[in-house]
Amino acid sequence: QVRLVESGGGLVQPGGSLILSCVFSGSGSSSDTWAWYRQAPGKSRDLIATIGRFGDTNYADAVKDRFTISRDDVKMSLYLRMNNLKPEDTATYYCNSKMQDKPWGQGTQVTVSS
């Protein structure tokens, strides 16, 4: 069964940076388009970045030019480099396939505050 484990979150000041990691397992995972999502308290879970099997990427306007998604299929890992963080980036961050067909992990909390 596929399992997703996110890590790397924490408390950071505005303007700071973090790198999130997601380890995924399961057959066929390397052929999936993978994505990062985030969910702020009281809000829906939103798609913020995707990366295809050949490295093609897309970003939500809210994170474009600040966040970078990458993947390492050998390590079965997904990454999200987040620069110039803003208080509105505070949320729990999750990884999953773009199809959202994997069981959700526990997520990793990112808090941006001075």
Protein backbone atom coordinates (compact mmCIF):
# COMPACT_ATOMS: atom_id res chain seq x y z
CA GLN A 1 0.00 0.00 0.00
CA VAL A 2 1.22 3.49 -0.83
CA ARG A 3 2.34 5.55 2.13
CA LEU A 4 3.20 9.24 2.17
CA VAL A 5 5.34 10.84 4.86
CA GLU A 6 5.89 14.60 4.86
CA SER A 7 8.54 16.41 6.91
CA GLY A 8 10.51 19.62 7.14
CA GLY A 9 7.93 22.05 8.46
CA GLY A 10 8.44 24.42 11.34
CA LEU A 11 8.25 27.98 12.58
CA VAL A 12 9.95 30.56 10.41
CA GLN A 13 10.00 34.34 10.27
CA PRO A 14 8.54 36.22 7.32
CA GLY A 15 11.06 36.27 4.49
CA GLY A 16 12.59 33.01 5.63
CA SER A 17 12.95 29.70 3.82
CA LEU A 18 12.11 26.06 4.38
CA ILE A 19 12.50 22.84 2.43
CA LEU A 20 9.74 20.26 2.76
CA SER A 21 10.26 16.61 1.93
CA CYS A 22 7.86 13.81 1.12
CA VAL A 23 8.81 10.17 0.91
CA PHE A 24 6.42 8.04 -1.11
CA SER A 25 6.25 4.35 -1.74
CA GLY A 26 4.27 1.98 -3.87
CA SER A 27 4.50 0.55 -7.33
CA GLY A 28 3.98 2.94 -10.20
CA SER A 29 4.71 6.00 -8.07
CA SER A 30 7.54 7.16 -10.33
CA SER A 31 5.15 7.51 -13.27
CA ASP A 32 2.71 9.73 -11.41
CA THR A 33 2.42 13.48 -11.58
CA TRP A 34 3.05 14.53 -8.00
CA ALA A 35 1.88 17.59 -6.15
CA TRP A 36 2.06 19.63 -3.00
CA TYR A 37 -1.09 20.84 -1.33
CA ARG A 38 -1.71 23.02 1.69
CA GLN A 39 -4.57 23.57 4.06
CA ALA A 40 -4.88 26.58 6.32
CA PRO A 41 -7.12 26.39 9.40
CA GLY A 42 -10.77 26.59 8.42
CA LYS A 43 -10.01 26.47 4.71
CA SER A 44 -10.02 23.84 2.00
CA ARG A 45 -6.94 21.92 0.91
CA ASP A 46 -5.48 23.70 -2.12
CA LEU A 47 -3.18 22.50 -4.86
CA ILE A 48 -0.07 24.69 -4.96
CA ALA A 49 2.49 22.91 -7.15
CA THR A 50 2.76 19.93 -9.48
CA ILE A 51 5.61 18.10 -11.17
CA GLY A 52 5.24 15.60 -13.97
CA ARG A 53 7.30 12.48 -14.51
CA PHE A 54 9.58 14.39 -16.87
CA GLY A 55 10.05 17.33 -14.53
CA ASP A 56 7.49 19.73 -15.96
CA THR A 57 6.17 21.98 -13.21
CA ASN A 58 3.19 24.20 -12.51
CA TYR A 59 2.48 26.53 -9.62
CA ALA A 60 -0.46 28.32 -8.12
CA ASP A 61 -0.22 32.10 -8.49
CA ALA A 62 0.09 32.49 -4.72
CA VAL A 63 3.43 30.66 -4.64
CA LYS A 64 4.82 31.23 -8.12
CA ASP A 65 8.38 32.57 -8.16
CA ARG A 66 8.81 31.76 -4.45
CA PHE A 67 8.34 27.98 -4.26
CA THR A 68 10.13 25.27 -6.25
CA ILE A 69 8.92 21.69 -6.53
CA SER A 70 11.30 18.87 -7.39
CA ARG A 71 11.36 15.09 -7.30
CA ASP A 72 13.90 12.31 -7.00
CA ASP A 73 12.37 9.06 -8.22
CA VAL A 74 15.41 7.04 -7.18
CA LYS A 75 14.90 8.17 -3.59
CA MET A 76 11.11 8.11 -4.10
CA SER A 77 10.98 11.61 -2.73
CA LEU A 78 9.27 14.90 -3.47
CA TYR A 79 10.55 18.27 -2.31
CA LEU A 80 9.25 21.81 -1.95
CA ARG A 81 11.71 24.64 -1.51
CA MET A 82 9.93 27.66 -0.11
CA ASN A 83 11.58 31.07 -0.20
CA ASN A 84 10.41 34.50 0.92
CA LEU A 85 7.76 32.96 3.14
CA LYS A 86 4.77 35.09 4.12
CA PRO A 87 2.33 34.79 7.03
CA GLU A 88 -0.35 33.70 4.56
CA ASP A 89 1.76 30.63 3.77
CA THR A 90 0.96 29.30 7.23
CA ALA A 91 -0.75 25.94 6.71
CA THR A 92 -0.35 22.21 6.90
CA TYR A 93 1.41 20.98 3.79
CA TYR A 94 0.67 17.63 2.15
CA CYS A 95 2.00 15.70 -0.81
CA ASN A 96 -0.01 13.40 -3.03
CA SER A 97 -0.38 12.53 -6.65
CA LYS A 98 -2.20 15.11 -8.74
CA MET A 99 -5.03 12.57 -8.97
CA GLN A 100 -5.15 12.48 -5.15
CA ASP A 101 -5.47 8.72 -5.38
CA LYS A 102 -3.09 7.91 -2.54
CA PRO A 103 -3.98 7.84 1.17
CA TRP A 104 -3.17 11.23 2.66
CA GLY A 105 -0.24 11.47 5.04
CA GLN A 106 -0.19 13.43 8.27
CA GLY A 107 1.19 16.54 6.62
CA THR A 108 3.81 18.91 7.98
CA GLN A 109 2.95 22.19 9.68
CA VAL A 110 4.48 25.43 8.43
CA THR A 111 4.02 28.54 10.55
CA VAL A 112 5.26 31.89 9.31
CA SER A 113 5.29 34.45 12.09
CA SER A 114 7.52 37.05 13.67
